[in-house]
C-alpha atoms as a PDB file:
ATOM      1  CA  MET A   1       0.000   0.000   0.000  1.00  0.00           C
ATOM      2  CA  GLU A   2       1.251   3.484  -0.780  1.00  0.00           C
ATOM      3  CA  ARG A   3       0.471   6.908   0.656  1.00  0.00           C
ATOM      4  CA  GLU A   4       0.498  10.065  -1.436  1.00  0.00           C
ATOM      5  CA  ILE A   5       2.149  13.333  -0.519  1.00  0.00           C
ATOM      6  CA  ASP A   6       0.990  16.506  -2.271  1.00  0.00           C
ATOM      7  CA  THR A   7       4.023  18.498  -3.395  1.00  0.00           C
ATOM      8  CA  GLU A   8       2.554  21.912  -4.285  1.00  0.00           C
ATOM      9  CA  LYS A   9       1.029  20.984  -7.649  1.00  0.00           C
ATOM     10  CA  ILE A  10       4.359  19.841  -9.079  1.00  0.00           C
ATOM     11  CA  GLY A  11       3.239  16.248  -8.753  1.00  0.00           C
ATOM     12  CA  THR A  12       2.855  13.582  -6.116  1.00  0.00           C
ATOM     13  CA  VAL A  13       5.220  11.398  -4.178  1.00  0.00           C
ATOM     14  CA  LYS A  14       4.026   7.970  -3.082  1.00  0.00           C
ATOM     15  CA  ILE A  15       5.657   6.202  -0.135  1.00  0.00           C
ATOM     16  CA  ALA A  16       5.060   2.477   0.215  1.00  0.00           C
ATOM     17  CA  ASN A  17       4.397   1.023   3.664  1.00  0.00           C
ATOM     18  CA  ASP A  18       7.466  -1.162   3.096  1.00  0.00           C
ATOM     19  CA  VAL A  19       9.638   1.946   2.942  1.00  0.00           C
ATOM     20  CA  VAL A  20       8.309   3.225   6.275  1.00  0.00           C
ATOM     21  CA  ALA A  21       8.866  -0.238   7.795  1.00  0.00           C
ATOM     22  CA  MET A  22      12.417  -0.272   6.444  1.00  0.00           C
ATOM     23  CA  ILE A  23      13.132   3.156   7.972  1.00  0.00           C
ATOM     24  CA  ALA A  24      11.810   1.925  11.328  1.00  0.00           C
ATOM     25  CA  GLY A  25      13.884  -1.267  11.181  1.00  0.00           C
ATOM     26  CA  LEU A  26      17.093   0.532  10.297  1.00  0.00           C
ATOM     27  CA  ALA A  27      16.556   3.134  13.044  1.00  0.00           C
ATOM     28  CA  ALA A  28      15.867   0.377  15.595  1.00  0.00           C
ATOM     29  CA  ALA A  29      19.026  -1.489  14.631  1.00  0.00           C
ATOM     30  CA  GLU A  30      21.105   1.589  15.517  1.00  0.00           C
ATOM     31  CA  VAL A  31      19.963   1.625  19.158  1.00  0.00           C
ATOM     32  CA  ASP A  32      22.463   0.239  21.682  1.00  0.00           C
ATOM     33  CA  GLY A  33      20.979  -2.768  23.421  1.00  0.00           C
ATOM     34  CA  VAL A  34      18.814  -3.955  20.547  1.00  0.00           C
ATOM     35  CA  GLY A  35      20.160  -7.411  19.802  1.00  0.00           C
ATOM     36  CA  ALA A  36      17.947  -8.238  16.849  1.00  0.00           C
ATOM     37  CA  MET A  37      14.596  -7.666  15.289  1.00  0.00           C
ATOM     38  CA  ALA A  38      12.302 -10.656  15.753  1.00  0.00           C
ATOM     39  CA  GLU A  39      10.636 -12.364  12.840  1.00  0.00           C
ATOM     40  CA  ASN A  40       7.310 -13.120  14.435  1.00  0.00           C
ATOM     41  CA  ILE A  41       5.171 -10.244  13.127  1.00  0.00           C
ATOM     42  CA  PRO A  42       3.537 -11.630   9.978  1.00  0.00           C
ATOM     43  CA  ASN A  43       3.711  -9.489   6.882  1.00  0.00           C
ATOM     44  CA  GLU A  44       3.414 -10.899   3.378  1.00  0.00           C
ATOM     45  CA  LEU A  45       5.551  -8.103   1.973  1.00  0.00           C
ATOM     46  CA  MET A  46       8.481  -9.215   4.132  1.00  0.00           C
ATOM     47  CA  ARG A  47       8.707 -12.337   2.047  1.00  0.00           C
ATOM     48  CA  LYS A  48       9.788 -10.397  -1.054  1.00  0.00           C
ATOM     49  CA  VAL A  49      13.379 -10.841  -2.084  1.00  0.00           C
ATOM     50  CA  GLY A  50      15.596  -8.219  -0.453  1.00  0.00           C
ATOM     51  CA  MET A  51      12.934  -6.991   1.953  1.00  0.00           C
ATOM     52  CA  LYS A  52      12.926  -9.760   4.536  1.00  0.00           C
ATOM     53  CA  LYS A  53      15.874  -8.621   6.642  1.00  0.00           C
ATOM     54  CA  LYS A  54      15.182  -4.900   6.459  1.00  0.00           C
ATOM     55  CA  THR A  55      11.570  -5.120   7.643  1.00  0.00           C
ATOM     56  CA  LYS A  56      11.877  -8.131   9.929  1.00  0.00           C
ATOM     57  CA  GLY A  57       9.975  -7.594  13.169  1.00  0.00           C
ATOM     58  CA  VAL A  58       8.333  -4.382  11.950  1.00  0.00           C
ATOM     59  CA  LYS A  59       4.676  -3.764  11.165  1.00  0.00           C
ATOM     60  CA  VAL A  60       3.391  -0.341  10.125  1.00  0.00           C
ATOM     61  CA  ASP A  61      -0.103   0.992   9.640  1.00  0.00           C
ATOM     62  CA  ILE A  62      -0.605   4.332   7.918  1.00  0.00           C
ATOM     63  CA  ILE A  63      -3.971   6.064   8.070  1.00  0.00           C
ATOM     64  CA  ASP A  64      -4.304   9.647   6.812  1.00  0.00           C
ATOM     65  CA  ARG A  65      -0.550  10.388   7.084  1.00  0.00           C
ATOM     66  CA  THR A  66      -0.460   9.069  10.669  1.00  0.00           C
ATOM     67  CA  VAL A  67       1.788   6.080  11.332  1.00  0.00           C
ATOM     68  CA  THR A  68       1.525   3.382  13.969  1.00  0.00           C
ATOM     69  CA  VAL A  69       4.583   1.138  14.312  1.00  0.00           C
ATOM     70  CA  ASP A  70       4.795  -2.259  16.016  1.00  0.00           C
ATOM     71  CA  LEU A  71       8.290  -3.603  16.694  1.00  0.00           C
ATOM     72  CA  ALA A  72       9.245  -7.040  17.973  1.00  0.00           C
ATOM     73  CA  VAL A  73      12.812  -6.991  19.306  1.00  0.00           C
ATOM     74  CA  THR A  74      15.344  -9.026  21.191  1.00  0.00           C
ATOM     75  CA  LEU A  75      17.373  -6.956  23.647  1.00  0.00           C
ATOM     76  CA  GLU A  76      20.927  -7.622  24.695  1.00  0.00           C
ATOM     77  CA  TYR A  77      21.454  -8.836  28.243  1.00  0.00           C
ATOM     78  CA  GLY A  78      22.345  -6.141  30.768  1.00  0.00           C
ATOM     79  CA  TYR A  79      20.455  -3.236  29.217  1.00  0.00           C
ATOM     80  CA  ASN A  80      17.667  -1.496  31.117  1.00  0.00           C
ATOM     81  CA  ILE A  81      14.465  -2.495  29.335  1.00  0.00           C
ATOM     82  CA  PRO A  82      12.373   0.661  29.992  1.00  0.00           C
ATOM     83  CA  ALA A  83      15.245   3.042  29.177  1.00  0.00           C
ATOM     84  CA  THR A  84      16.264   1.161  26.026  1.00  0.00           C
ATOM     85  CA  SER A  85      12.633   0.948  24.898  1.00  0.00           C
ATOM     86  CA  LYS A  86      12.189   4.718  25.315  1.00  0.00           C
ATOM     87  CA  ILE A  87      15.319   5.425  23.259  1.00  0.00           C
ATOM     88  CA  LEU A  88      14.082   2.970  20.638  1.00  0.00           C
ATOM     89  CA  GLN A  89      10.660   4.638  20.462  1.00  0.00           C
ATOM     90  CA  ASP A  90      12.187   8.115  20.164  1.00  0.00           C
ATOM     91  CA  LYS A  91      14.687   7.094  17.474  1.00  0.00           C
ATOM     92  CA  VAL A  92      12.119   5.277  15.320  1.00  0.00           C
ATOM     93  CA  LYS A  93       9.594   8.124  15.639  1.00  0.00           C
ATOM     94  CA  ALA A  94      12.194  10.759  14.716  1.00  0.00           C
ATOM     95  CA  ALA A  95      13.512   8.774  11.736  1.00  0.00           C
ATOM     96  CA  ILE A  96      10.071   8.212  10.223  1.00  0.00           C
ATOM     97  CA  GLU A  97       8.885  11.781  10.799  1.00  0.00           C
ATOM     98  CA  THR A  98      12.101  13.293   9.427  1.00  0.00           C
ATOM     99  CA  MET A  99      12.302  11.113   6.340  1.00  0.00           C
ATOM    100  CA  THR A 100       8.618  10.929   5.366  1.00  0.00           C
ATOM    101  CA  GLY A 101       6.881  13.958   6.849  1.00  0.00           C
ATOM    102  CA  PHE A 102       4.255  11.640   8.337  1.00  0.00           C
ATOM    103  CA  GLU A 103       3.194  11.946  11.975  1.00  0.00           C
ATOM    104  CA  VAL A 104       3.979   8.946  14.182  1.00  0.00           C
ATOM    105  CA  SER A 105       1.258   8.407  16.767  1.00  0.00           C
ATOM    106  CA  ASP A 106       2.533   5.188  18.362  1.00  0.00           C
ATOM    107  CA  VAL A 107       5.693   3.097  18.472  1.00  0.00           C
ATOM    108  CA  ASN A 108       4.715  -0.112  20.230  1.00  0.00           C
ATOM    109  CA  ILE A 109       7.514  -2.414  21.337  1.00  0.00           C
ATOM    110  CA  ARG A 110       7.232  -6.074  22.168  1.00  0.00           C
ATOM    111  CA  ILE A 111      10.302  -7.603  23.810  1.00  0.00           C
ATOM    112  CA  VAL A 112      10.408 -11.201  22.575  1.00  0.00           C
ATOM    113  CA  GLY A 113      13.716 -12.267  24.073  1.00  0.00           C
ATOM    114  CA  VAL A 114      17.040 -11.422  25.636  1.00  0.00           C
ATOM    115  CA  LYS A 115      20.271 -12.085  23.783  1.00  0.00           C
ATOM    116  CA  MET A 116      22.788 -13.557  26.191  1.00  0.00           C
ATOM    117  CA  PRO A 117      26.511 -12.803  25.898  1.00  0.00           C
ATOM    118  CA  ASP A 118      28.543 -15.381  23.974  1.00  0.00           C
ATOM    119  CA  GLY A 119      29.629 -18.304  26.099  1.00  0.00           C
ATOM    120  CA  LYS A 120      26.622 -18.161  28.443  1.00  0.00           C
END
């Protein structure tokens, strides 16, 4: 699904939901303490070649230029879950709003596991 952006009668720009999901996934991967994105949020578009890894664990809904993001993540052992989650929410929200111009209403995080240090 794509969303249109009016660009002052020059034409339109369409942003696919996959692109917003990719932005969210890349932003999440940059947060210290995020071990991995989980693969348990179903999304048929993730199955496309080249899209699976970049949108893994990310689901986006866009209604009237307002985005809701659901992330399923594994955190690294030793990180404070509430603090890391807040940083993750802020980073994903800022990345999507900056790159798309859409408003992000919610960034929901589901912690699906803890990545233990090697050897433990």
